[in-house]
Amino acid sequence: MADYDLAIIGGGLNGVSLARDAAGRGLRVILIEQGDLGGAASSATPRLIHGDLSVLERRGFWRVRRALAERRIWLRIAPHLVRPASFVIPAHSDERPPWLLRAGLYVYDALTNRGGLPASTTLDITHHPVGNALKRPFGIGLAYADCVVDDSRLVVLTALDAAERGATIRTGARCVRADRTDVWRLALVDRGHRRVITSRALANASGGWTSMVAETVLRQPQPATAAMQMSQIVVPRLFESDNVYVFQNNDGRLIFASPFERDFTLVGTVTHDFTGDPAIVAMSGADVSYLCDAVSRYFRERVAPTDVVHTVSAVKLSPASGRRRDGTTLFHARRRKAPLLTMFGGDVTTSRFRAERAVTRLTSFYPMSRPWTAGAALPGGDFAWDRFETEIDLARDRWRFLSEPQARRLVAAYGSRLPAILGEAKTRDELGPAFGPDLTAAEVRYLMNHEWARFPEDILWRRSKLGLTMPQAAREALAAFMADPSRTG
């Protein structure tokens, strides 16, 4: 008998979504990730849950409808990570005319049950607060509702839910060889130790490494893929409102400017073809300048490359025959050979649906329960999305030492599971040493013991974005704390 029913290579959003779905259907699952969960493209998304107006413009009506249905599901199952926002498109005389934008948003509204989100509308942004940060020529704006998401937290909490349903999650582990007979025999190097496991099925969800894993580890036919680099910039906050701005650039692309971690703005995304090692990817000066120039067409305050405080880049795969936004799943099964799933690409919005559809492909090989993930909250998400502000108030009532920004960050990250970190603490000192103004030893211990954080970067850039503001001395203290087992046990 095989050790597992499904082994998954890759701990990005595709991999953890497969693990969650399969574990919840009763399969014995192991996920193998060579680095950290969400350590590549899954933590470099535009951080949007949306139907994508650019897909609608290309008449991808079914894809938009599917994505908007998923938007409603995410609001229900992850209200701490996925939150509604008002998106505003300032009308630019040199780009799409207002009548065309209105028509597109009318179709956008018609494709979904909004689930409490407002319909699109036209704004006079000359006299509306959303226009305060914009140059004066933009008198008309189109507003519509979509959602923003904490992408890296979504990856980790999806993995946590999979683990709580029985999946084994191994970070810092690498599959070095896979032999295919009636079962898969996998050789792993797991934090320096070599071991062999067997699995009845295997999923290659290794993101930018998909083709390399197929060739060198699985020794199976490589999927024909094209690699694309996605890049974004983080700059100091450019506007006071909580709106997301959607700018039409002069090359036809849509550029998003979103509130980011209270004091910053996230601007993106610029994409282009990529060749090379996906582990070594960096944003070029030309791409930085492109995004700065794009938003400077609209904002009163000019954005220069010297204003950029952080860049985000990663490699995403798509089929060589065409760049599909909804991802690709390949299924290979032969007589007397264990099945192989290959899954790559796609966006955050449809990740749950893609995993559900992929795991269902295995039902002919062994019985499992019905799809379930659309109705089950992620850890900490067992409250209604319109009660998010109430949850912050409740947290401040219970832990009175929390400031409003601190409570907001913690509720956004942990939702109703915040008591697992703060417990019955009456003062901040009871949470142990502090690393800067926001991070405490209690939170660090929780992340190490329950969310697979091993290094400071795992906490500062994926479990949170505190790396944007944490002073160097606090980083060094955090590293020393995490390296001492007596302090973190």
Protein backbone atom coordinates (compact mmCIF):
# COMPACT_ATOMS: atom_id res chain seq x y z
CA MET A 1 0.00 0.00 0.00
CA ALA A 2 1.30 3.45 -0.92
CA ASP A 3 2.15 5.93 1.84
CA TYR A 4 -0.07 8.63 0.29
CA ASP A 5 -2.89 8.99 -2.21
CA LEU A 6 -1.57 12.27 -3.63
CA ALA A 7 1.89 13.83 -3.48
CA ILE A 8 2.18 17.47 -4.56
CA ILE A 9 5.42 19.16 -5.60
CA GLY A 10 5.18 22.92 -5.03
CA GLY A 11 3.85 25.07 -2.20
CA GLY A 12 2.47 27.99 -4.17
CA LEU A 13 -1.22 28.77 -4.42
CA ASN A 14 -1.90 25.99 -6.93
CA GLY A 15 -0.14 23.39 -4.77
CA VAL A 16 -1.75 24.31 -1.45
CA SER A 17 -5.18 24.59 -3.10
CA LEU A 18 -4.80 21.04 -4.40
CA ALA A 19 -3.72 19.88 -0.94
CA ARG A 20 -6.67 21.53 0.78
CA ASP A 21 -9.24 20.18 -1.65
CA ALA A 22 -7.86 16.63 -1.69
CA ALA A 23 -7.35 16.37 2.08
CA GLY A 24 -10.91 17.54 2.68
CA ARG A 25 -12.19 14.80 0.38
CA GLY A 26 -10.49 12.13 2.47
CA LEU A 27 -7.25 11.60 0.53
CA ARG A 28 -3.91 11.09 2.23
CA VAL A 29 -1.89 14.06 0.99
CA ILE A 30 1.71 15.22 1.24
CA LEU A 31 2.90 18.57 -0.11
CA ILE A 32 6.62 19.08 -0.77
CA GLU A 33 8.02 22.62 -1.02
CA GLN A 34 11.75 23.28 -1.40
CA GLY A 35 11.58 26.75 0.13
CA ASP A 36 8.76 28.60 1.85
CA LEU A 37 5.05 28.49 1.12
CA GLY A 38 4.13 31.11 -1.47
CA GLY A 39 7.79 32.01 -1.87
CA ALA A 40 7.61 32.90 -5.57
CA ALA A 41 4.79 34.04 -7.90
CA SER A 42 2.02 33.46 -5.35
CA SER A 43 3.38 36.34 -3.27
CA ALA A 44 3.85 38.65 -6.26
CA THR A 45 0.32 38.95 -7.60
CA PRO A 46 -1.61 42.22 -8.10
CA ARG A 47 -3.46 41.22 -4.87
CA LEU A 48 -6.87 41.38 -6.56
CA ILE A 49 -9.93 39.14 -6.49
CA HIS A 50 -11.78 40.28 -9.59
CA GLY A 51 -13.33 39.38 -12.91
CA ASP A 52 -10.60 41.31 -14.76
CA LEU A 53 -11.87 44.01 -17.10
CA SER A 54 -9.12 43.29 -19.61
CA VAL A 55 -10.52 39.76 -20.07
CA LEU A 56 -13.99 41.22 -20.53
CA GLU A 57 -12.59 43.53 -23.19
CA ARG A 58 -11.42 40.45 -25.10
CA ARG A 59 -14.93 38.98 -24.81
CA GLY A 60 -13.96 36.30 -22.31
CA PHE A 61 -17.46 36.41 -20.84
CA TRP A 62 -17.46 32.89 -19.37
CA ARG A 63 -14.11 33.45 -17.66
CA VAL A 64 -15.28 36.74 -16.18
CA ARG A 65 -18.52 35.18 -14.95
CA ARG A 66 -16.60 32.29 -13.37
CA ALA A 67 -14.17 34.69 -11.69
CA LEU A 68 -16.97 36.88 -10.34
CA ALA A 69 -18.69 33.80 -8.90
CA GLU A 70 -15.41 32.93 -7.19
CA ARG A 71 -15.18 36.49 -5.86
CA ARG A 72 -18.40 35.93 -3.97
CA ILE A 73 -17.11 32.61 -2.59
CA TRP A 74 -13.86 34.20 -1.38
CA LEU A 75 -15.77 36.94 0.42
CA ARG A 76 -17.71 34.25 2.23
CA ILE A 77 -14.85 31.90 3.16
CA ALA A 78 -11.98 34.37 3.74
CA PRO A 79 -13.46 37.70 4.92
CA HIS A 80 -10.30 38.62 6.83
CA LEU A 81 -8.07 38.21 3.75
CA VAL A 82 -10.47 39.29 0.99
CA ARG A 83 -12.18 42.66 1.34
CA PRO A 84 -14.35 44.79 -0.94
CA ALA A 85 -12.96 47.98 -2.39
CA SER A 86 -14.19 50.69 -4.72
CA PHE A 87 -12.23 50.70 -7.99
CA VAL A 88 -12.13 53.99 -9.88
CA ILE A 89 -11.18 54.46 -13.54
CA PRO A 90 -10.47 58.12 -14.36
CA ALA A 91 -11.59 58.78 -17.94
CA HIS A 92 -8.68 59.87 -20.12
CA SER A 93 -9.44 61.63 -23.40
CA ASP A 94 -6.62 59.80 -25.17
CA GLU A 95 -7.77 56.32 -24.14
CA ARG A 96 -11.06 54.38 -23.93
CA PRO A 97 -13.99 56.85 -24.08
CA PRO A 98 -16.39 57.05 -21.11
CA TRP A 99 -19.28 55.49 -23.05
CA LEU A 100 -17.19 52.39 -23.76
CA LEU A 101 -16.17 52.09 -20.11
CA ARG A 102 -19.80 52.47 -19.01
CA ALA A 103 -20.88 49.75 -21.43
CA GLY A 104 -18.16 47.41 -20.18
CA LEU A 105 -19.10 47.94 -16.55
CA TYR A 106 -22.79 47.41 -17.37
CA VAL A 107 -21.86 43.96 -18.71
CA TYR A 108 -19.57 43.40 -15.71
CA ASP A 109 -22.50 44.07 -13.35
CA ALA A 110 -24.79 41.81 -15.37
CA LEU A 111 -22.41 38.85 -15.18
CA THR A 112 -22.58 38.46 -11.42
CA ASN A 113 -24.81 38.30 -8.41
CA ARG A 114 -23.12 41.14 -6.55
CA GLY A 115 -23.78 39.66 -3.11
CA GLY A 116 -24.15 43.03 -1.39
CA LEU A 117 -21.52 44.90 -3.42
CA PRO A 118 -22.70 48.12 -5.10
CA ALA A 119 -23.31 48.46 -8.82
CA SER A 120 -20.98 50.52 -10.97
CA THR A 121 -21.58 54.24 -11.23
CA THR A 122 -20.24 57.44 -12.80
CA LEU A 123 -18.44 59.96 -10.59
CA ASP A 124 -17.75 63.64 -11.03
CA ILE A 125 -14.25 63.35 -9.62
CA THR A 126 -13.67 67.09 -9.89
CA HIS A 127 -15.91 67.43 -6.82
CA HIS A 128 -15.47 63.96 -5.30
CA PRO A 129 -12.80 63.02 -2.71
CA VAL A 130 -11.37 60.36 -5.06
CA GLY A 131 -10.24 63.19 -7.32
CA ASN A 132 -8.16 64.98 -4.69
CA ALA A 133 -4.96 63.13 -5.60
CA LEU A 134 -5.51 63.36 -9.37
CA LYS A 135 -4.59 65.95 -11.94
CA ARG A 136 -7.38 68.35 -12.82
CA PRO A 137 -8.10 67.24 -16.44
CA PHE A 138 -9.83 64.11 -15.16
CA GLY A 139 -13.39 65.25 -14.58
CA ILE A 140 -15.23 61.95 -15.01
CA GLY A 141 -14.52 58.62 -13.35
CA LEU A 142 -16.20 55.22 -13.48
CA ALA A 143 -16.48 53.41 -10.15
CA TYR A 144 -17.18 49.71 -9.62
CA ALA A 145 -16.80 47.17 -6.82
CA ASP A 146 -14.20 44.39 -6.67
CA CYS A 147 -11.98 42.96 -3.95
CA VAL A 148 -8.39 43.08 -2.73
CA VAL A 149 -6.62 40.11 -1.13
CA ASP A 150 -3.53 39.38 0.95
CA ASP A 151 -2.09 36.85 -1.48
CA SER A 152 0.74 35.41 0.63
CA ARG A 153 -1.51 35.00 3.69
CA LEU A 154 -4.04 33.24 1.47
CA VAL A 155 -1.38 30.67 0.52
CA VAL A 156 -0.37 30.01 4.12
CA LEU A 157 -3.92 29.73 5.48
CA THR A 158 -4.91 27.41 2.64
CA ALA A 159 -1.99 25.18 3.63
CA LEU A 160 -2.99 25.43 7.29
CA ASP A 161 -6.52 24.30 6.47
CA ALA A 162 -5.12 21.38 4.46
CA ALA A 163 -2.91 20.38 7.40
CA GLU A 164 -5.80 20.55 9.84
CA ARG A 165 -7.69 18.19 7.53
CA GLY A 166 -4.85 15.67 7.58
CA ALA A 167 -2.40 16.77 4.88
CA THR A 168 1.33 16.62 5.57
CA ILE A 169 3.05 19.91 4.65
CA ARG A 170 6.84 19.71 4.28
CA THR A 171 8.69 22.96 3.64
CA GLY A 172 12.45 22.95 3.16
CA ALA A 173 12.02 19.61 1.36
CA ARG A 174 12.93 18.82 -2.23
CA CYS A 175 11.93 15.96 -4.49
CA VAL A 176 15.10 14.89 -6.31
CA ARG A 177 13.79 11.85 -8.18
CA ALA A 178 10.41 10.34 -9.03
CA ASP A 179 9.95 6.89 -10.53
CA ARG A 180 6.61 5.98 -12.07
CA THR A 181 5.15 2.47 -11.98
CA ASP A 182 1.72 1.58 -10.66
CA VAL A 183 2.65 4.04 -7.88
CA TRP A 184 5.03 6.97 -7.69
CA ARG A 185 8.24 6.37 -5.76
CA LEU A 186 9.68 9.74 -4.65
CA ALA A 187 13.15 10.39 -3.27
CA LEU A 188 13.16 13.45 -1.00
CA VAL A 189 15.85 15.51 0.65
CA ASP A 190 13.98 16.79 3.68
CA ARG A 191 15.96 19.39 5.63
CA GLY A 192 19.18 17.47 5.02
CA HIS A 193 17.75 13.97 5.43
CA ARG A 194 17.11 11.67 2.48
CA ARG A 195 14.02 9.48 2.50
CA VAL A 196 11.72 7.68 0.08
CA ILE A 197 7.92 7.82 -0.01
CA THR A 198 5.30 6.31 -2.31
CA SER A 199 2.11 7.86 -3.64
CA ARG A 200 -0.75 6.65 -5.80
CA ALA A 201 -0.82 9.94 -7.74
CA LEU A 202 1.50 12.91 -8.22
CA ALA A 203 0.85 16.59 -8.94
CA ASN A 204 3.52 18.86 -10.39
CA ALA A 205 2.52 22.34 -9.18
CA SER A 206 6.01 23.80 -9.00
CA GLY A 207 5.20 27.10 -10.71
CA GLY A 208 8.10 28.57 -12.65
CA TRP A 209 9.99 25.30 -12.19
CA THR A 210 7.27 23.11 -13.79
CA SER A 211 9.20 22.25 -16.96
CA MET A 212 12.46 21.72 -15.09
CA VAL A 213 10.81 19.36 -12.58
CA ALA A 214 9.14 17.43 -15.43
CA GLU A 215 12.46 16.99 -17.23
CA THR A 216 14.97 16.39 -14.44
CA VAL A 217 12.91 14.92 -11.58
CA LEU A 218 9.93 13.18 -13.14
CA ARG A 219 11.60 12.40 -16.46
CA GLN A 220 8.25 12.81 -18.17
CA PRO A 221 7.33 14.82 -21.29
CA GLN A 222 7.66 18.53 -20.62
CA PRO A 223 4.58 20.73 -21.02
CA ALA A 224 5.08 23.42 -23.66
CA THR A 225 5.21 26.59 -21.58
CA ALA A 226 6.10 30.25 -21.92
CA ALA A 227 7.56 32.14 -18.96
CA MET A 228 6.43 35.64 -18.14
CA GLN A 229 7.89 38.03 -15.55
CA MET A 230 5.43 40.05 -13.45
CA SER A 231 6.71 43.13 -11.62
CA GLN A 232 5.26 45.76 -9.30
CA ILE A 233 6.57 48.66 -7.25
CA VAL A 234 5.80 49.89 -3.74
CA VAL A 235 5.98 53.65 -3.10
CA PRO A 236 4.95 55.85 -0.16
CA ARG A 237 1.19 56.38 0.06
CA LEU A 238 -0.02 58.55 -2.81
CA PHE A 239 -3.61 59.15 -1.71
CA GLU A 240 -5.72 59.18 1.45
CA SER A 241 -8.78 57.27 0.26
CA ASP A 242 -9.18 53.48 0.37
CA ASN A 243 -10.03 53.33 -3.33
CA VAL A 244 -8.10 51.33 -5.89
CA TYR A 245 -7.30 53.41 -8.95
CA VAL A 246 -7.33 51.78 -12.39
CA PHE A 247 -5.33 53.82 -14.87
CA GLN A 248 -5.43 53.44 -18.64
CA ASN A 249 -1.89 53.71 -19.89
CA ASN A 250 -1.10 55.01 -23.36
CA ASP A 251 -0.18 51.49 -24.57
CA GLY A 252 -3.63 50.14 -23.67
CA ARG A 253 -2.61 48.39 -20.45
CA LEU A 254 -4.54 48.85 -17.22
CA ILE A 255 -2.33 49.86 -14.28
CA PHE A 256 -3.58 49.47 -10.70
CA ALA A 257 -2.61 51.69 -7.78
CA SER A 258 -3.79 50.16 -4.48
CA PRO A 259 -3.51 51.11 -0.81
CA PHE A 260 -0.84 48.83 0.64
CA GLU A 261 -0.04 48.16 4.28
CA ARG A 262 -1.42 51.47 5.57
CA ASP A 263 1.50 53.74 4.60
CA PHE A 264 2.25 52.63 1.04
CA THR A 265 0.82 52.26 -2.47
CA LEU A 266 1.26 49.18 -4.64
CA VAL A 267 1.55 49.93 -8.37
CA GLY A 268 1.48 47.32 -11.11
CA THR A 269 1.65 45.21 -13.03
CA VAL A 270 4.17 45.27 -15.88
CA THR A 271 4.79 41.95 -17.65
CA HIS A 272 7.14 40.67 -20.31
CA ASP A 273 8.69 37.42 -21.53
CA PHE A 274 11.31 35.83 -19.32
CA THR A 275 14.21 33.47 -19.89
CA GLY A 276 16.55 32.11 -17.23
CA ASP A 277 16.33 30.76 -13.70
CA PRO A 278 13.01 31.67 -12.02
CA ALA A 279 14.85 31.76 -8.70
CA ILE A 280 16.84 34.75 -9.95
CA VAL A 281 14.42 37.40 -11.11
CA ALA A 282 14.66 41.13 -10.53
CA MET A 283 12.83 44.17 -11.78
CA SER A 284 14.69 46.19 -14.37
CA GLY A 285 15.16 49.94 -14.21
CA ALA A 286 13.13 50.24 -17.40
CA ASP A 287 10.16 48.49 -15.79
CA VAL A 288 10.38 50.70 -12.71
CA SER A 289 10.38 53.81 -14.91
CA TYR A 290 7.46 52.46 -16.93
CA LEU A 291 5.23 52.13 -13.86
CA CYS A 292 6.36 55.48 -12.45
CA ASP A 293 5.55 57.22 -15.73
CA ALA A 294 2.19 55.42 -16.01
CA VAL A 295 0.87 56.64 -12.66
CA SER A 296 2.47 60.07 -13.05
CA ARG A 297 0.09 60.69 -15.98
CA TYR A 298 -2.73 60.72 -13.43
CA PHE A 299 -1.51 61.69 -9.97
CA ARG A 300 -0.73 65.29 -9.07
CA GLU A 301 2.35 64.11 -7.20
CA ARG A 302 4.88 62.86 -9.72
CA VAL A 303 6.31 59.42 -8.92
CA ALA A 304 10.00 58.98 -9.68
CA PRO A 305 12.15 55.82 -9.51
CA THR A 306 13.87 57.29 -6.45
CA ASP A 307 10.50 57.11 -4.62
CA VAL A 308 10.33 53.32 -4.93
CA VAL A 309 10.89 51.63 -1.56
CA HIS A 310 10.40 48.03 -2.68
CA THR A 311 9.96 46.02 -5.86
CA VAL A 312 8.19 42.71 -6.36
CA SER A 313 8.99 40.34 -9.24
CA ALA A 314 8.25 36.72 -10.02
CA VAL A 315 7.93 34.33 -12.95
CA LYS A 316 4.61 32.88 -14.03
CA LEU A 317 4.08 30.17 -16.65
CA SER A 318 1.45 29.97 -19.33
CA PRO A 319 0.96 27.55 -22.25
CA ALA A 320 3.31 28.21 -25.14
CA SER A 321 0.29 28.27 -27.46
CA GLY A 322 -1.32 31.23 -25.72
CA ARG A 323 -1.42 33.06 -22.37
CA ARG A 324 -4.50 31.80 -20.58
CA ARG A 325 -5.51 33.81 -17.54
CA ASP A 326 -7.38 30.88 -15.98
CA GLY A 327 -4.38 28.56 -15.79
CA THR A 328 -3.62 25.15 -17.23
CA THR A 329 -4.21 21.67 -15.84
CA LEU A 330 -2.85 18.64 -17.70
CA PHE A 331 -3.82 15.08 -16.74
CA HIS A 332 -1.77 12.09 -17.84
CA ALA A 333 -2.87 8.55 -17.07
CA ARG A 334 -1.88 5.31 -18.78
CA ARG A 335 -2.66 1.69 -18.15
CA ARG A 336 -0.70 0.37 -15.14
CA LYS A 337 0.88 3.77 -14.59
CA ALA A 338 0.13 6.07 -11.66
CA PRO A 339 -1.64 9.28 -12.74
CA LEU A 340 0.16 12.60 -13.10
CA LEU A 341 -1.41 16.06 -12.74
CA THR A 342 0.45 19.09 -14.03
CA MET A 343 -0.95 22.45 -12.94
CA PHE A 344 0.50 25.88 -13.66
CA GLY A 345 -0.48 29.48 -14.26
CA GLY A 346 -3.81 31.04 -13.43
CA ASP A 347 -4.67 33.85 -11.07
CA VAL A 348 -5.61 34.07 -7.41
CA THR A 349 -9.32 34.53 -8.09
CA THR A 350 -9.93 31.13 -9.72
CA SER A 351 -7.37 29.09 -7.76
CA ARG A 352 -9.95 27.33 -5.59
CA PHE A 353 -12.05 26.35 -8.61
CA ARG A 354 -9.02 25.11 -10.56
CA ALA A 355 -7.99 22.86 -7.68
CA GLU A 356 -11.50 21.50 -7.27
CA ARG A 357 -11.67 20.65 -10.96
CA ALA A 358 -8.20 19.07 -10.94
CA VAL A 359 -8.78 16.84 -7.91
CA THR A 360 -12.08 15.69 -9.41
CA ARG A 361 -10.05 14.22 -12.30
CA LEU A 362 -8.77 11.60 -9.85
CA THR A 363 -12.18 10.25 -8.87
CA SER A 364 -11.96 7.41 -11.39
CA PHE A 365 -8.83 6.10 -9.63
CA TYR A 366 -10.10 6.04 -6.07
CA PRO A 367 -13.28 7.08 -4.30
CA MET A 368 -13.52 10.41 -2.55
CA SER A 369 -16.19 12.69 -1.17
CA ARG A 370 -17.82 15.47 -3.13
CA PRO A 371 -16.35 18.98 -3.69
CA TRP A 372 -16.58 21.03 -0.53
CA THR A 373 -14.22 24.00 -0.51
CA ALA A 374 -16.77 26.59 -1.71
CA GLY A 375 -18.65 26.33 1.56
CA ALA A 376 -15.89 26.01 4.16
CA ALA A 377 -14.18 29.02 5.72
CA LEU A 378 -10.41 29.27 5.81
CA PRO A 379 -8.86 29.38 9.30
CA GLY A 380 -10.00 32.55 11.05
CA GLY A 381 -12.64 33.35 8.43
CA ASP A 382 -15.77 32.28 10.29
CA PHE A 383 -17.51 35.67 10.27
CA ALA A 384 -19.44 37.67 7.67
CA TRP A 385 -17.38 39.91 5.40
CA ASP A 386 -19.36 43.00 6.38
CA ARG A 387 -18.41 42.45 10.04
CA PHE A 388 -14.70 43.05 9.50
CA GLU A 389 -14.74 46.44 11.23
CA THR A 390 -16.75 44.92 14.07
CA GLU A 391 -14.08 42.27 14.55
CA ILE A 392 -11.49 45.03 14.93
CA ASP A 393 -13.63 46.74 17.57
CA LEU A 394 -14.07 43.46 19.44
CA ALA A 395 -10.32 42.85 19.39
CA ARG A 396 -9.63 46.30 20.83
CA ASP A 397 -12.24 45.75 23.53
CA ARG A 398 -10.64 42.46 24.55
CA TRP A 399 -6.96 43.49 24.24
CA ARG A 400 -7.03 47.15 25.21
CA PHE A 401 -3.30 47.63 24.67
CA LEU A 402 -3.77 47.30 20.90
CA SER A 403 -3.84 50.47 18.84
CA GLU A 404 -6.32 50.67 15.97
CA PRO A 405 -3.65 50.01 13.29
CA GLN A 406 -2.26 47.08 15.28
CA ALA A 407 -5.70 45.52 15.74
CA ARG A 408 -6.48 46.02 12.06
CA ARG A 409 -3.30 44.26 10.95
CA LEU A 410 -3.83 41.33 13.32
CA VAL A 411 -7.49 40.81 12.44
CA ALA A 412 -6.66 41.03 8.73
CA ALA A 413 -4.03 38.33 9.17
CA TYR A 414 -5.62 35.95 11.69
CA GLY A 415 -9.31 36.78 11.86
CA SER A 416 -11.12 34.91 14.62
CA ARG A 417 -7.96 32.97 15.47
CA LEU A 418 -6.35 35.98 17.07
CA PRO A 419 -6.88 34.51 20.60
CA ALA A 420 -4.40 31.75 19.69
CA ILE A 421 -1.71 34.46 19.62
CA LEU A 422 -2.77 37.01 22.21
CA GLY A 423 -4.46 34.63 24.65
CA GLU A 424 -5.43 36.29 27.91
CA ALA A 425 -2.72 38.96 27.75
CA LYS A 426 -3.61 42.19 29.57
CA THR A 427 -0.53 44.14 28.51
CA ARG A 428 1.80 44.13 25.55
CA ASP A 429 4.68 43.09 27.81
CA GLU A 430 2.96 39.76 28.43
CA LEU A 431 3.48 38.90 24.74
CA GLY A 432 7.25 38.75 25.17
CA PRO A 433 10.01 40.74 23.44
CA ALA A 434 8.95 43.19 20.73
CA PHE A 435 10.62 43.50 17.34
CA GLY A 436 9.73 47.00 16.27
CA PRO A 437 6.34 48.53 17.07
CA ASP A 438 4.17 45.76 15.61
CA LEU A 439 5.71 42.28 16.00
CA THR A 440 5.90 40.40 19.30
CA ALA A 441 7.46 37.12 20.38
CA ALA A 442 4.00 35.60 20.86
CA GLU A 443 3.21 36.15 17.18
CA VAL A 444 6.61 34.86 16.09
CA ARG A 445 6.18 31.67 18.13
CA TYR A 446 2.75 31.12 16.64
CA LEU A 447 4.03 31.55 13.09
CA MET A 448 6.92 29.17 13.68
CA ASN A 449 4.85 26.51 15.44
CA HIS A 450 1.72 26.63 13.29
CA GLU A 451 2.49 28.33 9.97
CA TRP A 452 5.87 26.89 8.95
CA ALA A 453 7.87 30.12 9.33
CA ARG A 454 11.58 29.26 9.60
CA PHE A 455 13.45 32.45 8.78
CA PRO A 456 12.87 36.18 9.34
CA GLU A 457 12.04 36.68 5.64
CA ASP A 458 9.17 34.20 5.95
CA ILE A 459 7.57 36.43 8.57
CA LEU A 460 8.57 39.86 7.29
CA TRP A 461 7.58 39.39 3.63
CA ARG A 462 5.07 36.52 3.43
CA ARG A 463 3.22 36.08 6.75
CA SER A 464 3.23 39.88 6.91
CA LYS A 465 4.74 42.85 5.09
CA LEU A 466 6.48 44.23 8.18
CA GLY A 467 9.74 44.13 6.24
CA LEU A 468 8.67 47.46 4.73
CA THR A 469 9.01 49.27 8.05
CA MET A 470 11.05 47.16 10.49
CA PRO A 471 14.37 48.80 11.49
CA GLN A 472 17.59 46.86 10.97
CA ALA A 473 18.24 46.44 14.69
CA ALA A 474 14.82 44.83 15.13
CA ARG A 475 15.48 42.49 12.19
CA GLU A 476 18.70 41.34 13.80
CA ALA A 477 16.93 40.76 17.12
CA LEU A 478 14.22 38.77 15.33
CA ALA A 479 16.81 36.59 13.59
CA ALA A 480 18.54 35.86 16.90
CA PHE A 481 15.22 35.02 18.56
CA MET A 482 14.18 32.63 15.77
CA ALA A 483 17.57 30.89 15.82
CA ASP A 484 17.32 30.04 19.53
CA PRO A 485 15.14 26.92 20.02
CA SER A 486 14.76 27.62 23.74
CA ARG A 487 12.99 30.88 22.97
CA THR A 488 10.76 29.68 20.16
CA GLY A 489 9.67 26.29 21.48
